[in-house]
């Protein structure tokens, strides 16, 4: 009887570890940019796979540097999928909240980064300089002599 209790405790520990590795995550964060791709992929386990383009200035010579970040979204997360599709259609910037999984598993998607929430930030606005308080120069009459 004692060996069956030890065996049951051992199985419970093994299943607990497997459950945590499968459904748990070890990192959580946010990333912002423009979504350039969102596709529904998979043979048996359908997930949405996307690509986020993050831009910025390169430190050295001031040139634009663009990096890509690939992510997965569960097909059950309809709210996030609709927000991503809206952002692609309208060209809006987004902020993605994600969880980084331990392993890349077939039912989780093609990546270890799994998006859980999407915030559409809207289009970027062009910065216009403020109107100057100095009046515009007037035309000078050169026909008059002193």
N, C-alpha and C. Protein backbone atom coordinates (compact mmCIF):
# COMPACT_ATOMS: atom_id res chain seq x y z
N UNK A 1 0.82 -1.20 0.00
CA UNK A 1 0.00 0.00 0.00
C UNK A 1 0.86 1.26 0.00
N UNK A 2 1.95 1.25 0.74
CA UNK A 2 2.83 2.40 0.85
C UNK A 2 3.47 2.74 -0.49
N UNK A 3 3.84 1.71 -1.27
CA UNK A 3 4.47 1.97 -2.57
C UNK A 3 3.47 2.61 -3.54
N UNK A 4 2.17 2.34 -3.42
CA UNK A 4 1.16 2.94 -4.28
C UNK A 4 0.98 4.42 -3.94
N UNK A 5 1.08 4.79 -2.70
CA UNK A 5 0.98 6.19 -2.30
C UNK A 5 2.19 6.96 -2.84
N UNK A 6 3.37 6.37 -2.71
CA UNK A 6 4.59 7.02 -3.23
C UNK A 6 4.49 7.16 -4.74
N UNK A 7 3.99 6.13 -5.41
CA UNK A 7 3.83 6.18 -6.86
C UNK A 7 2.81 7.26 -7.27
N UNK A 8 1.72 7.38 -6.55
CA UNK A 8 0.70 8.39 -6.84
C UNK A 8 1.26 9.80 -6.64
N UNK A 9 2.05 10.00 -5.57
CA UNK A 9 2.67 11.31 -5.33
C UNK A 9 3.67 11.63 -6.44
N UNK A 10 4.44 10.62 -6.86
CA UNK A 10 5.40 10.80 -7.94
C UNK A 10 4.68 11.20 -9.24
N UNK A 11 3.59 10.52 -9.56
CA UNK A 11 2.82 10.85 -10.77
C UNK A 11 2.22 12.25 -10.69
N UNK A 12 1.73 12.64 -9.52
CA UNK A 12 1.17 13.98 -9.35
C UNK A 12 2.25 15.04 -9.58
N UNK A 13 3.44 14.81 -9.09
CA UNK A 13 4.54 15.76 -9.29
C UNK A 13 4.92 15.85 -10.76
N UNK A 14 5.02 14.70 -11.44
CA UNK A 14 5.38 14.68 -12.86
C UNK A 14 4.31 15.40 -13.69
N UNK A 15 3.03 15.12 -13.44
CA UNK A 15 1.96 15.79 -14.17
C UNK A 15 1.90 17.28 -13.87
N UNK A 16 2.20 17.66 -12.65
CA UNK A 16 2.24 19.08 -12.30
C UNK A 16 3.34 19.81 -13.05
N UNK A 17 4.51 19.20 -13.15
CA UNK A 17 5.62 19.80 -13.88
C UNK A 17 5.28 19.91 -15.37
N UNK A 18 4.72 18.85 -15.94
CA UNK A 18 4.34 18.88 -17.36
C UNK A 18 3.26 19.93 -17.63
N UNK A 19 2.31 20.05 -16.72
CA UNK A 19 1.26 21.06 -16.87
C UNK A 19 1.86 22.46 -16.85
N UNK A 20 2.77 22.71 -15.92
CA UNK A 20 3.39 24.03 -15.81
C UNK A 20 4.23 24.36 -17.04
N UNK A 21 4.98 23.39 -17.54
CA UNK A 21 5.80 23.62 -18.73
C UNK A 21 4.93 23.87 -19.95
N UNK A 22 3.80 23.17 -20.05
CA UNK A 22 2.92 23.32 -21.21
C UNK A 22 2.15 24.62 -21.19
N UNK A 23 1.55 24.98 -20.06
CA UNK A 23 0.66 26.13 -20.00
C UNK A 23 1.25 27.34 -19.29
N UNK A 24 2.36 27.18 -18.63
CA UNK A 24 2.97 28.29 -17.91
C UNK A 24 3.88 29.12 -18.81
N UNK A 25 4.40 30.19 -18.29
CA UNK A 25 5.33 31.04 -19.02
C UNK A 25 6.35 31.59 -18.03
N UNK A 26 7.51 31.98 -18.56
CA UNK A 26 8.54 32.49 -17.66
C UNK A 26 8.87 33.95 -17.91
N UNK A 27 8.26 34.56 -18.91
CA UNK A 27 8.51 35.97 -19.17
C UNK A 27 7.23 36.60 -19.70
N UNK A 28 7.04 37.87 -19.35
CA UNK A 28 5.87 38.61 -19.81
C UNK A 28 6.34 40.02 -20.14
N UNK A 29 5.80 40.60 -21.20
CA UNK A 29 6.24 41.94 -21.56
C UNK A 29 5.34 42.59 -22.59
N UNK A 30 5.81 43.74 -23.09
CA UNK A 30 5.08 44.52 -24.10
C UNK A 30 6.05 44.91 -25.19
N UNK A 31 5.52 44.98 -26.42
CA UNK A 31 6.29 45.47 -27.56
C UNK A 31 5.38 46.33 -28.40
N UNK A 32 5.95 47.35 -29.02
CA UNK A 32 5.16 48.26 -29.85
C UNK A 32 5.73 48.37 -31.24
N UNK A 33 4.85 48.63 -32.19
CA UNK A 33 5.27 48.80 -33.57
C UNK A 33 4.09 48.68 -34.50
N UNK A 34 4.38 48.33 -35.75
CA UNK A 34 3.36 48.17 -36.77
C UNK A 34 3.26 46.71 -37.16
N UNK A 35 2.05 46.17 -37.18
CA UNK A 35 1.84 44.78 -37.58
C UNK A 35 1.87 44.74 -39.10
N UNK A 36 2.76 43.92 -39.66
CA UNK A 36 2.88 43.84 -41.11
C UNK A 36 2.31 42.56 -41.67
N UNK A 37 2.09 41.56 -40.82
CA UNK A 37 1.58 40.28 -41.33
C UNK A 37 0.80 39.58 -40.23
N UNK A 38 -0.31 38.96 -40.59
CA UNK A 38 -1.09 38.12 -39.69
C UNK A 38 -1.71 37.02 -40.54
N UNK A 39 -1.37 35.78 -40.25
CA UNK A 39 -1.89 34.67 -41.04
C UNK A 39 -2.32 33.54 -40.12
N UNK A 40 -3.33 32.80 -40.58
CA UNK A 40 -3.84 31.63 -39.85
C UNK A 40 -3.12 30.41 -40.40
N UNK A 41 -2.30 29.77 -39.55
CA UNK A 41 -1.46 28.68 -40.03
C UNK A 41 -1.62 27.43 -39.18
N UNK A 42 -1.21 26.32 -39.76
CA UNK A 42 -1.18 25.05 -39.06
C UNK A 42 -2.02 24.00 -39.74
N UNK A 43 -1.55 22.75 -39.68
CA UNK A 43 -2.30 21.64 -40.26
C UNK A 43 -3.38 21.14 -39.32
N UNK A 44 -2.98 20.85 -38.11
CA UNK A 44 -3.91 20.30 -37.12
C UNK A 44 -4.29 21.35 -36.08
N UNK A 45 -3.31 22.06 -35.57
CA UNK A 45 -3.53 23.09 -34.57
C UNK A 45 -3.42 24.45 -35.25
N UNK A 46 -4.53 25.11 -35.48
CA UNK A 46 -4.56 26.41 -36.16
C UNK A 46 -4.25 27.53 -35.17
N UNK A 47 -3.24 28.30 -35.48
CA UNK A 47 -2.91 29.50 -34.70
C UNK A 47 -2.66 30.64 -35.67
N UNK A 48 -2.75 31.84 -35.17
CA UNK A 48 -2.45 33.02 -35.97
C UNK A 48 -0.99 33.39 -35.72
N UNK A 49 -0.26 33.58 -36.80
CA UNK A 49 1.15 33.96 -36.72
C UNK A 49 1.29 35.35 -37.30
N UNK A 50 2.00 36.22 -36.62
CA UNK A 50 2.13 37.59 -37.06
C UNK A 50 3.56 38.09 -37.00
N UNK A 51 3.73 39.27 -37.56
CA UNK A 51 5.04 39.91 -37.58
C UNK A 51 4.86 41.38 -37.21
N UNK A 52 5.66 41.84 -36.28
CA UNK A 52 5.62 43.22 -35.81
C UNK A 52 6.91 43.91 -36.25
N UNK A 53 6.76 45.04 -36.91
CA UNK A 53 7.93 45.81 -37.34
C UNK A 53 8.13 46.94 -36.35
N UNK A 54 9.30 46.91 -35.70
CA UNK A 54 9.65 47.93 -34.72
C UNK A 54 10.74 48.80 -35.35
N UNK A 55 10.59 50.10 -35.28
CA UNK A 55 11.56 51.00 -35.90
C UNK A 55 12.24 51.85 -34.86
N UNK A 56 13.27 52.52 -35.30
CA UNK A 56 13.99 53.42 -34.41
C UNK A 56 15.21 53.96 -35.10
N UNK A 57 15.93 54.82 -34.42
CA UNK A 57 17.15 55.38 -34.98
C UNK A 57 18.35 54.57 -34.54
N UNK A 58 19.27 54.36 -35.46
CA UNK A 58 20.52 53.69 -35.15
C UNK A 58 21.41 54.66 -34.41
N UNK A 59 22.09 54.22 -33.39
CA UNK A 59 22.85 55.13 -32.53
C UNK A 59 23.99 55.86 -33.24
N UNK A 60 24.66 55.19 -34.15
CA UNK A 60 25.86 55.76 -34.73
C UNK A 60 25.63 56.91 -35.67
N UNK A 61 25.04 56.65 -36.82
CA UNK A 61 24.94 57.69 -37.85
C UNK A 61 23.54 58.24 -38.05
N UNK A 62 22.59 57.86 -37.22
CA UNK A 62 21.24 58.43 -37.30
C UNK A 62 20.36 57.84 -38.38
N UNK A 63 20.74 56.71 -38.97
CA UNK A 63 19.90 56.09 -39.99
C UNK A 63 18.78 55.30 -39.32
N UNK A 64 17.72 55.09 -40.08
CA UNK A 64 16.59 54.33 -39.55
C UNK A 64 16.96 52.85 -39.48
N UNK A 65 16.63 52.22 -38.37
CA UNK A 65 16.89 50.81 -38.16
C UNK A 65 15.55 50.14 -37.89
N UNK A 66 15.24 49.10 -38.60
CA UNK A 66 13.97 48.42 -38.42
C UNK A 66 14.23 46.96 -38.08
N UNK A 67 13.59 46.48 -37.03
CA UNK A 67 13.73 45.07 -36.68
C UNK A 67 12.35 44.43 -36.68
N UNK A 68 12.33 43.13 -36.91
CA UNK A 68 11.08 42.39 -36.97
C UNK A 68 10.98 41.46 -35.77
N UNK A 69 9.78 41.25 -35.31
CA UNK A 69 9.51 40.35 -34.20
C UNK A 69 8.32 39.49 -34.58
N UNK A 70 8.48 38.17 -34.53
CA UNK A 70 7.40 37.26 -34.89
C UNK A 70 6.71 36.79 -33.62
N UNK A 71 5.39 36.58 -33.71
CA UNK A 71 4.61 36.19 -32.55
C UNK A 71 3.47 35.28 -32.98
N UNK A 72 2.84 34.65 -31.99
CA UNK A 72 1.69 33.78 -32.22
C UNK A 72 0.51 34.29 -31.40
N UNK A 73 -0.71 34.02 -31.91
CA UNK A 73 -1.94 34.38 -31.20
C UNK A 73 -2.86 33.17 -31.27
N UNK A 74 -3.48 32.84 -30.16
CA UNK A 74 -4.43 31.73 -30.12
C UNK A 74 -5.65 32.06 -30.97
N UNK A 75 -6.18 31.06 -31.66
CA UNK A 75 -7.39 31.26 -32.44
C UNK A 75 -8.60 31.56 -31.57
N UNK A 76 -8.52 31.24 -30.29
CA UNK A 76 -9.62 31.51 -29.35
C UNK A 76 -9.66 32.97 -28.90
N UNK A 77 -8.57 33.70 -29.09
CA UNK A 77 -8.48 35.09 -28.65
C UNK A 77 -9.01 36.00 -29.77
N UNK A 78 -10.32 35.99 -29.98
CA UNK A 78 -10.97 36.73 -31.07
C UNK A 78 -10.79 38.24 -30.93
N UNK A 79 -10.78 38.75 -29.70
CA UNK A 79 -10.63 40.19 -29.48
C UNK A 79 -9.28 40.68 -29.99
N UNK A 80 -8.21 39.95 -29.65
CA UNK A 80 -6.87 40.35 -30.09
C UNK A 80 -6.75 40.24 -31.60
N UNK A 81 -7.32 39.20 -32.19
CA UNK A 81 -7.23 39.01 -33.64
C UNK A 81 -7.94 40.14 -34.38
N UNK A 82 -9.12 40.52 -33.90
CA UNK A 82 -9.85 41.60 -34.57
C UNK A 82 -9.11 42.93 -34.44
N UNK A 83 -8.48 43.20 -33.31
CA UNK A 83 -7.71 44.44 -33.14
C UNK A 83 -6.49 44.45 -34.04
N UNK A 84 -5.84 43.29 -34.19
CA UNK A 84 -4.68 43.20 -35.07
C UNK A 84 -5.08 43.43 -36.53
N UNK A 85 -6.20 42.82 -36.93
CA UNK A 85 -6.68 43.02 -38.31
C UNK A 85 -7.05 44.47 -38.57
N UNK A 86 -7.66 45.13 -37.58
CA UNK A 86 -8.00 46.55 -37.72
C UNK A 86 -6.74 47.40 -37.86
N UNK A 87 -5.72 47.09 -37.06
CA UNK A 87 -4.48 47.86 -37.11
C UNK A 87 -3.77 47.68 -38.45
N UNK A 88 -3.83 46.48 -39.02
CA UNK A 88 -3.22 46.26 -40.34
C UNK A 88 -3.99 47.04 -41.40
N UNK A 89 -5.31 46.98 -41.33
CA UNK A 89 -6.15 47.63 -42.34
C UNK A 89 -5.98 49.15 -42.33
N UNK A 90 -5.87 49.73 -41.14
CA UNK A 90 -5.80 51.20 -41.02
C UNK A 90 -4.38 51.73 -40.87
N UNK A 91 -3.40 50.86 -40.74
CA UNK A 91 -2.01 51.30 -40.61
C UNK A 91 -1.70 51.91 -39.26
N UNK A 92 -2.36 51.46 -38.20
CA UNK A 92 -2.15 52.01 -36.87
C UNK A 92 -1.03 51.28 -36.14
N UNK A 93 -0.41 52.01 -35.24
CA UNK A 93 0.61 51.45 -34.35
C UNK A 93 -0.08 50.68 -33.22
N UNK A 94 0.53 49.59 -32.75
CA UNK A 94 -0.06 48.77 -31.69
C UNK A 94 0.95 48.52 -30.58
N UNK A 95 0.41 48.20 -29.41
CA UNK A 95 1.20 47.74 -28.28
C UNK A 95 0.72 46.34 -27.96
N UNK A 96 1.62 45.36 -28.03
CA UNK A 96 1.27 43.96 -27.81
C UNK A 96 1.76 43.51 -26.44
N UNK A 97 0.87 42.90 -25.67
CA UNK A 97 1.24 42.26 -24.41
C UNK A 97 1.42 40.79 -24.71
N UNK A 98 2.55 40.21 -24.29
CA UNK A 98 2.84 38.83 -24.64
C UNK A 98 3.39 38.05 -23.46
N UNK A 99 3.32 36.73 -23.61
CA UNK A 99 3.94 35.80 -22.67
C UNK A 99 4.94 34.96 -23.45
N UNK A 100 6.12 34.77 -22.88
CA UNK A 100 7.12 33.92 -23.50
C UNK A 100 7.06 32.54 -22.85
N UNK A 101 6.75 31.54 -23.65
CA UNK A 101 6.61 30.17 -23.16
C UNK A 101 7.98 29.52 -23.00
N UNK A 102 8.00 28.39 -22.30
CA UNK A 102 9.25 27.65 -22.09
C UNK A 102 9.74 27.01 -23.39
N UNK A 103 8.81 26.39 -24.11
CA UNK A 103 9.14 25.66 -25.32
C UNK A 103 8.17 26.04 -26.43
N UNK A 104 8.59 25.80 -27.65
CA UNK A 104 7.72 25.99 -28.80
C UNK A 104 6.97 24.68 -29.02
N UNK A 105 5.70 24.65 -28.63
CA UNK A 105 4.88 23.45 -28.76
C UNK A 105 3.89 23.61 -29.90
N UNK A 106 3.52 22.52 -30.60
CA UNK A 106 2.67 22.64 -31.79
C UNK A 106 1.32 23.31 -31.53
N UNK A 107 0.72 23.10 -30.39
CA UNK A 107 -0.59 23.69 -30.12
C UNK A 107 -0.49 25.13 -29.64
N UNK A 108 0.72 25.60 -29.34
CA UNK A 108 0.90 27.00 -28.93
C UNK A 108 1.23 27.91 -30.10
N UNK A 109 1.71 27.38 -31.20
CA UNK A 109 2.06 28.21 -32.35
C UNK A 109 3.47 27.96 -32.81
N UNK A 110 3.91 28.76 -33.78
CA UNK A 110 5.24 28.60 -34.37
C UNK A 110 6.34 29.29 -33.58
N UNK A 111 5.97 30.10 -32.59
CA UNK A 111 6.96 30.84 -31.82
C UNK A 111 6.76 30.60 -30.33
N UNK A 112 7.72 31.06 -29.54
CA UNK A 112 7.60 31.00 -28.09
C UNK A 112 6.89 32.23 -27.53
N UNK A 113 6.64 33.23 -28.36
CA UNK A 113 6.01 34.48 -27.93
C UNK A 113 4.52 34.43 -28.27
N UNK A 114 3.69 34.49 -27.25
CA UNK A 114 2.25 34.32 -27.40
C UNK A 114 1.54 35.59 -26.96
N UNK A 115 0.90 36.28 -27.90
CA UNK A 115 0.23 37.55 -27.62
C UNK A 115 -1.07 37.29 -26.87
N UNK A 116 -1.26 38.01 -25.76
CA UNK A 116 -2.47 37.86 -24.96
C UNK A 116 -3.39 39.06 -25.05
N UNK A 117 -2.84 40.26 -25.35
CA UNK A 117 -3.66 41.46 -25.42
C UNK A 117 -3.07 42.42 -26.44
N UNK A 118 -3.96 43.17 -27.09
CA UNK A 118 -3.54 44.14 -28.11
C UNK A 118 -4.18 45.48 -27.79
N UNK A 119 -3.38 46.54 -27.84
CA UNK A 119 -3.88 47.89 -27.68
C UNK A 119 -3.54 48.67 -28.95
N UNK A 120 -4.56 49.13 -29.67
CA UNK A 120 -4.35 49.91 -30.88
C UNK A 120 -4.08 51.35 -30.46
N UNK A 121 -2.90 51.87 -30.84
CA UNK A 121 -2.48 53.20 -30.42
C UNK A 121 -2.88 54.27 -31.41
N UNK A 122 -3.18 53.92 -32.61
CA UNK A 122 -3.58 54.90 -33.62
C UNK A 122 -2.42 55.26 -34.51
N UNK A 123 -2.70 56.09 -35.52
CA UNK A 123 -1.63 56.48 -36.46
C UNK A 123 -0.67 57.46 -35.79
N UNK A 124 0.55 57.44 -36.29
CA UNK A 124 1.51 58.42 -35.79
C UNK A 124 1.19 59.75 -36.44
N UNK A 125 1.35 60.80 -35.71
CA UNK A 125 1.03 62.14 -36.20
C UNK A 125 2.31 62.85 -36.59
N UNK A 126 2.27 63.51 -37.72
CA UNK A 126 3.43 64.29 -38.16
C UNK A 126 3.57 65.51 -37.25
N UNK A 127 4.79 65.78 -36.87
CA UNK A 127 5.04 66.92 -35.99
C UNK A 127 5.16 68.17 -36.85
N UNK A 128 4.31 69.15 -36.59
CA UNK A 128 4.38 70.42 -37.32
C UNK A 128 4.95 71.47 -36.38
N UNK A 129 5.84 72.29 -36.90
CA UNK A 129 6.43 73.30 -36.02
C UNK A 129 5.37 74.33 -35.62
N UNK A 130 5.46 74.86 -34.41
CA UNK A 130 4.48 75.86 -33.98
C UNK A 130 4.64 77.15 -34.78
N UNK A 131 3.55 77.87 -34.91
CA UNK A 131 3.60 79.14 -35.63
C UNK A 131 4.51 80.11 -34.90
N UNK A 132 5.33 80.79 -35.64
CA UNK A 132 6.29 81.73 -35.04
C UNK A 132 5.56 82.99 -34.58
N UNK A 133 6.02 83.59 -33.52
CA UNK A 133 5.42 84.83 -33.02
C UNK A 133 6.00 86.06 -33.72
N UNK A 134 7.03 85.85 -34.55
CA UNK A 134 7.63 86.95 -35.29
C UNK A 134 6.77 87.21 -36.51
N UNK A 135 6.36 88.45 -36.76
CA UNK A 135 5.53 88.73 -37.93
C UNK A 135 6.29 88.49 -39.22
N UNK A 136 5.57 88.15 -40.24
CA UNK A 136 6.18 87.92 -41.55
C UNK A 136 6.75 89.23 -42.08
N UNK A 137 7.87 89.16 -42.81
CA UNK A 137 8.46 90.39 -43.34
C UNK A 137 7.54 91.02 -44.39
N UNK A 138 7.50 92.34 -44.39
CA UNK A 138 6.67 93.05 -45.35
C UNK A 138 7.54 93.48 -46.52
N UNK A 139 6.88 93.80 -47.61
CA UNK A 139 7.60 94.22 -48.79
C UNK A 139 8.14 95.62 -48.58
N UNK A 140 9.35 95.84 -49.00
CA UNK A 140 9.99 97.15 -48.84
C UNK A 140 9.85 97.92 -50.16
N UNK A 141 9.44 99.18 -50.04
CA UNK A 141 9.28 100.03 -51.21
C UNK A 141 10.64 100.63 -51.54
N UNK A 142 11.21 100.20 -52.68
CA UNK A 142 12.54 100.69 -53.08
C UNK A 142 12.47 101.88 -54.00
N UNK A 143 11.29 102.37 -54.32
CA UNK A 143 11.17 103.50 -55.23
C UNK A 143 11.40 104.83 -54.51
N UNK A 144 11.23 104.87 -53.23
CA UNK A 144 11.41 106.11 -52.47
C UNK A 144 12.89 106.29 -52.16
N UNK A 145 13.32 107.48 -52.25
CA UNK A 145 14.70 107.80 -51.89
C UNK A 145 14.71 108.67 -50.65
N UNK A 146 15.77 108.64 -49.95
CA UNK A 146 15.88 109.44 -48.74
C UNK A 146 16.39 110.78 -49.01
